[in-house]
Amino acid sequence: MAIFNGTNLILKVQAAIGAADEFKLMHSQNVSLSYNVDTIDVTNKDSGGNRTLLGGTKSYSLSADGLMDFVSAGTTTDVDELFTSARNRDAVTFTFALATPAGYTYTGTGIITSLEISGGTEDAPTYSVSIEGSGDLTQNPV
């Protein structure tokens, strides 16, 4: 098992399904993927006093935050693309990947549920985005 630098984990988003370009979220500082399995309690009188569970609905979510990059008029940023998808309630496709050294990727689709841009006094402006998965999350060895 190889331990690697977390800097090499990246989140790439395709702003609309079928769009030509997938882009890496630039200036990201943190990315995360959370996978959950709900449980169904099937404990009964024959369980001998022990709780018995079945696997239920699977779900996943992703989040990222980073430094906001403002550009000149007439061009867009990653956050602009994310805002457009969120505003239109469009599903996005994504890849959560180990970029260097090449490793595995997780791919799927989801809906942007939260997008925030903030900036404090004497602080760098930042963004954060949350995506709730829809459908299957696929692990792809590279």
C-alpha atoms as a PDB file:
ATOM      1  CA  MET A   1       0.000   0.000   0.000  1.00  0.00           C
ATOM      2  CA  ALA A   2       1.389   3.379  -0.979  1.00  0.00           C
ATOM      3  CA  ILE A   3       0.686   6.508   0.995  1.00  0.00           C
ATOM      4  CA  PHE A   4       0.484   9.619  -1.167  1.00  0.00           C
ATOM      5  CA  ASN A   5       0.190  13.359  -0.797  1.00  0.00           C
ATOM      6  CA  GLY A   6      -3.445  14.525  -0.552  1.00  0.00           C
ATOM      7  CA  THR A   7      -2.563  17.395  -2.881  1.00  0.00           C
ATOM      8  CA  ASN A   8      -2.832  14.848  -5.687  1.00  0.00           C
ATOM      9  CA  LEU A   9      -6.561  14.269  -5.143  1.00  0.00           C
ATOM     10  CA  ILE A  10      -8.588  16.379  -7.569  1.00  0.00           C
ATOM     11  CA  LEU A  11     -12.220  16.917  -8.500  1.00  0.00           C
ATOM     12  CA  LYS A  12     -13.089  17.444 -12.156  1.00  0.00           C
ATOM     13  CA  VAL A  13     -16.584  18.524 -13.237  1.00  0.00           C
ATOM     14  CA  GLN A  14     -18.344  18.552 -16.582  1.00  0.00           C
ATOM     15  CA  ALA A  15     -20.728  21.474 -16.126  1.00  0.00           C
ATOM     16  CA  ALA A  16     -23.571  19.918 -18.092  1.00  0.00           C
ATOM     17  CA  ILE A  17     -24.061  16.341 -19.161  1.00  0.00           C
ATOM     18  CA  GLY A  18     -22.960  16.085 -22.767  1.00  0.00           C
ATOM     19  CA  ALA A  19     -20.790  19.213 -22.558  1.00  0.00           C
ATOM     20  CA  ALA A  20     -17.528  18.963 -24.412  1.00  0.00           C
ATOM     21  CA  ASP A  21     -15.132  19.934 -21.647  1.00  0.00           C
ATOM     22  CA  GLU A  22     -14.463  18.492 -18.229  1.00  0.00           C
ATOM     23  CA  PHE A  23     -12.468  20.890 -16.080  1.00  0.00           C
ATOM     24  CA  LYS A  24     -10.427  20.434 -12.941  1.00  0.00           C
ATOM     25  CA  LEU A  25     -11.597  22.753 -10.182  1.00  0.00           C
ATOM     26  CA  MET A  26      -8.739  25.225 -10.165  1.00  0.00           C
ATOM     27  CA  HIS A  27      -7.093  26.542  -7.012  1.00  0.00           C
ATOM     28  CA  SER A  28      -8.890  23.913  -4.926  1.00  0.00           C
ATOM     29  CA  GLN A  29      -7.546  23.446  -1.429  1.00  0.00           C
ATOM     30  CA  ASN A  30      -9.768  20.631  -0.173  1.00  0.00           C
ATOM     31  CA  VAL A  31     -11.792  17.952  -1.930  1.00  0.00           C
ATOM     32  CA  SER A  32     -13.781  15.141  -0.389  1.00  0.00           C
ATOM     33  CA  LEU A  33     -15.974  12.204  -1.347  1.00  0.00           C
ATOM     34  CA  SER A  34     -18.398  10.650   1.133  1.00  0.00           C
ATOM     35  CA  TYR A  35     -20.112   7.307   0.435  1.00  0.00           C
ATOM     36  CA  ASN A  36     -22.938   6.076   2.672  1.00  0.00           C
ATOM     37  CA  VAL A  37     -25.105   2.976   2.980  1.00  0.00           C
ATOM     38  CA  ASP A  38     -28.373   3.237   4.904  1.00  0.00           C
ATOM     39  CA  THR A  39     -29.362   0.232   6.984  1.00  0.00           C
ATOM     40  CA  ILE A  40     -32.648  -1.565   7.377  1.00  0.00           C
ATOM     41  CA  ASP A  41     -33.310  -2.962  10.832  1.00  0.00           C
ATOM     42  CA  VAL A  42     -34.651  -6.519  10.530  1.00  0.00           C
ATOM     43  CA  THR A  43     -34.218  -7.449  14.186  1.00  0.00           C
ATOM     44  CA  ASN A  44     -36.885  -9.871  15.330  1.00  0.00           C
ATOM     45  CA  LYS A  45     -37.697 -12.243  18.184  1.00  0.00           C
ATOM     46  CA  ASP A  46     -35.433 -14.892  16.661  1.00  0.00           C
ATOM     47  CA  SER A  47     -32.373 -12.550  16.650  1.00  0.00           C
ATOM     48  CA  GLY A  48     -31.344 -13.641  20.137  1.00  0.00           C
ATOM     49  CA  GLY A  49     -31.299 -10.082  21.448  1.00  0.00           C
ATOM     50  CA  ASN A  50     -28.867  -8.989  18.722  1.00  0.00           C
ATOM     51  CA  ARG A  51     -29.601  -6.242  16.272  1.00  0.00           C
ATOM     52  CA  THR A  52     -29.736  -7.526  12.685  1.00  0.00           C
ATOM     53  CA  LEU A  53     -29.302  -5.239   9.684  1.00  0.00           C
ATOM     54  CA  LEU A  54     -29.606  -5.349   5.915  1.00  0.00           C
ATOM     55  CA  GLY A  55     -27.893  -2.969   3.540  1.00  0.00           C
ATOM     56  CA  GLY A  56     -30.233  -0.311   2.191  1.00  0.00           C
ATOM     57  CA  THR A  57     -30.049   2.724  -0.053  1.00  0.00           C
ATOM     58  CA  LYS A  58     -26.573   3.874  -1.117  1.00  0.00           C
ATOM     59  CA  SER A  59     -25.746   7.558  -1.448  1.00  0.00           C
ATOM     60  CA  TYR A  60     -22.720   9.756  -1.990  1.00  0.00           C
ATOM     61  CA  SER A  61     -21.737  13.390  -1.946  1.00  0.00           C
ATOM     62  CA  LEU A  62     -18.720  15.435  -2.924  1.00  0.00           C
ATOM     63  CA  SER A  63     -17.405  18.781  -1.832  1.00  0.00           C
ATOM     64  CA  ALA A  64     -14.571  21.087  -2.728  1.00  0.00           C
ATOM     65  CA  ASP A  65     -13.322  24.477  -1.681  1.00  0.00           C
ATOM     66  CA  GLY A  66     -10.570  26.706  -2.905  1.00  0.00           C
ATOM     67  CA  LEU A  67      -9.416  30.133  -3.888  1.00  0.00           C
ATOM     68  CA  MET A  68     -11.676  32.207  -6.107  1.00  0.00           C
ATOM     69  CA  ASP A  69     -10.131  33.276  -9.411  1.00  0.00           C
ATOM     70  CA  PHE A  70     -11.723  36.387 -10.897  1.00  0.00           C
ATOM     71  CA  VAL A  71     -10.967  36.984 -14.562  1.00  0.00           C
ATOM     72  CA  SER A  72     -11.568  39.799 -17.002  1.00  0.00           C
ATOM     73  CA  ALA A  73     -14.973  40.462 -18.557  1.00  0.00           C
ATOM     74  CA  GLY A  74     -16.043  38.122 -21.328  1.00  0.00           C
ATOM     75  CA  THR A  75     -14.422  35.008 -19.870  1.00  0.00           C
ATOM     76  CA  THR A  76     -15.717  32.475 -17.361  1.00  0.00           C
ATOM     77  CA  THR A  77     -14.264  30.730 -14.343  1.00  0.00           C
ATOM     78  CA  ASP A  78     -14.919  27.262 -12.969  1.00  0.00           C
ATOM     79  CA  VAL A  79     -17.261  28.837 -10.417  1.00  0.00           C
ATOM     80  CA  ASP A  80     -19.206  30.585 -13.203  1.00  0.00           C
ATOM     81  CA  GLU A  81     -19.749  27.203 -14.881  1.00  0.00           C
ATOM     82  CA  LEU A  82     -20.832  25.654 -11.576  1.00  0.00           C
ATOM     83  CA  PHE A  83     -23.208  28.552 -10.890  1.00  0.00           C
ATOM     84  CA  THR A  84     -24.850  28.154 -14.300  1.00  0.00           C
ATOM     85  CA  SER A  85     -25.404  24.436 -13.689  1.00  0.00           C
ATOM     86  CA  ALA A  86     -26.742  25.063 -10.173  1.00  0.00           C
ATOM     87  CA  ARG A  87     -29.037  27.858 -11.347  1.00  0.00           C
ATOM     88  CA  ASN A  88     -30.418  25.689 -14.146  1.00  0.00           C
ATOM     89  CA  ARG A  89     -30.657  22.674 -11.810  1.00  0.00           C
ATOM     90  CA  ASP A  90     -28.665  20.691 -14.370  1.00  0.00           C
ATOM     91  CA  ALA A  91     -27.046  17.408 -13.480  1.00  0.00           C
ATOM     92  CA  VAL A  92     -23.269  17.481 -13.744  1.00  0.00           C
ATOM     93  CA  THR A  93     -20.834  14.653 -14.323  1.00  0.00           C
ATOM     94  CA  PHE A  94     -17.710  14.461 -12.219  1.00  0.00           C
ATOM     95  CA  THR A  95     -14.475  12.584 -11.726  1.00  0.00           C
ATOM     96  CA  PHE A  96     -12.852  12.322  -8.307  1.00  0.00           C
ATOM     97  CA  ALA A  97      -9.324  11.175  -9.006  1.00  0.00           C
ATOM     98  CA  LEU A  98      -5.817  10.596  -7.848  1.00  0.00           C
ATOM     99  CA  ALA A  99      -3.968  12.680 -10.440  1.00  0.00           C
ATOM    100  CA  THR A 100      -0.319  11.989  -9.636  1.00  0.00           C
ATOM    101  CA  PRO A 101       0.807   9.288  -9.459  1.00  0.00           C
ATOM    102  CA  ALA A 102      -1.945   7.912 -11.681  1.00  0.00           C
ATOM    103  CA  GLY A 103      -4.290   5.786  -9.633  1.00  0.00           C
ATOM    104  CA  TYR A 104      -8.011   5.229  -9.572  1.00  0.00           C
ATOM    105  CA  THR A 105     -10.990   7.411 -10.329  1.00  0.00           C
ATOM    106  CA  TYR A 106     -14.568   7.588  -9.117  1.00  0.00           C
ATOM    107  CA  THR A 107     -17.080   8.873 -11.647  1.00  0.00           C
ATOM    108  CA  GLY A 108     -20.755   9.693 -11.473  1.00  0.00           C
ATOM    109  CA  THR A 109     -23.405  12.338 -11.874  1.00  0.00           C
ATOM    110  CA  GLY A 110     -25.020  14.650  -9.380  1.00  0.00           C
ATOM    111  CA  ILE A 111     -26.763  17.890  -8.623  1.00  0.00           C
ATOM    112  CA  ILE A 112     -24.998  20.942  -7.210  1.00  0.00           C
ATOM    113  CA  THR A 113     -26.777  21.555  -3.914  1.00  0.00           C
ATOM    114  CA  SER A 114     -24.648  24.398  -2.586  1.00  0.00           C
ATOM    115  CA  LEU A 115     -22.283  26.989  -4.037  1.00  0.00           C
ATOM    116  CA  GLU A 116     -20.755  29.747  -1.954  1.00  0.00           C
ATOM    117  CA  ILE A 117     -18.321  32.557  -2.708  1.00  0.00           C
ATOM    118  CA  SER A 118     -16.953  34.466   0.251  1.00  0.00           C
ATOM    119  CA  GLY A 119     -14.237  36.895   1.185  1.00  0.00           C
ATOM    120  CA  GLY A 120     -13.256  38.424   4.469  1.00  0.00           C
ATOM    121  CA  THR A 121     -11.298  41.553   5.230  1.00  0.00           C
ATOM    122  CA  GLU A 122      -7.630  41.055   4.389  1.00  0.00           C
ATOM    123  CA  ASP A 123      -8.342  37.489   3.271  1.00  0.00           C
ATOM    124  CA  ALA A 124      -8.277  35.703  -0.074  1.00  0.00           C
ATOM    125  CA  PRO A 125     -11.727  35.211  -1.652  1.00  0.00           C
ATOM    126  CA  THR A 126     -12.841  31.577  -1.628  1.00  0.00           C
ATOM    127  CA  TYR A 127     -15.509  29.304  -3.060  1.00  0.00           C
ATOM    128  CA  SER A 128     -17.086  26.080  -1.870  1.00  0.00           C
ATOM    129  CA  VAL A 129     -19.307  23.650  -3.740  1.00  0.00           C
ATOM    130  CA  SER A 130     -21.330  20.590  -2.704  1.00  0.00           C
ATOM    131  CA  ILE A 131     -22.652  17.928  -5.065  1.00  0.00           C
ATOM    132  CA  GLU A 132     -25.177  15.218  -4.151  1.00  0.00           C
ATOM    133  CA  GLY A 133     -24.756  12.071  -6.213  1.00  0.00           C
ATOM    134  CA  SER A 134     -27.506  10.636  -8.374  1.00  0.00           C
ATOM    135  CA  GLY A 135     -27.347   7.052  -9.619  1.00  0.00           C
ATOM    136  CA  ASP A 136     -24.325   4.802  -9.402  1.00  0.00           C
ATOM    137  CA  LEU A 137     -20.816   5.820  -8.364  1.00  0.00           C
ATOM    138  CA  THR A 138     -18.291   3.899 -10.436  1.00  0.00           C
ATOM    139  CA  GLN A 139     -14.725   3.069  -9.398  1.00  0.00           C
ATOM    140  CA  ASN A 140     -12.370   2.832 -12.355  1.00  0.00           C
ATOM    141  CA  PRO A 141      -8.846   1.512 -11.954  1.00  0.00           C
ATOM    142  CA  VAL A 142      -6.485   3.495 -14.171  1.00  0.00           C
END
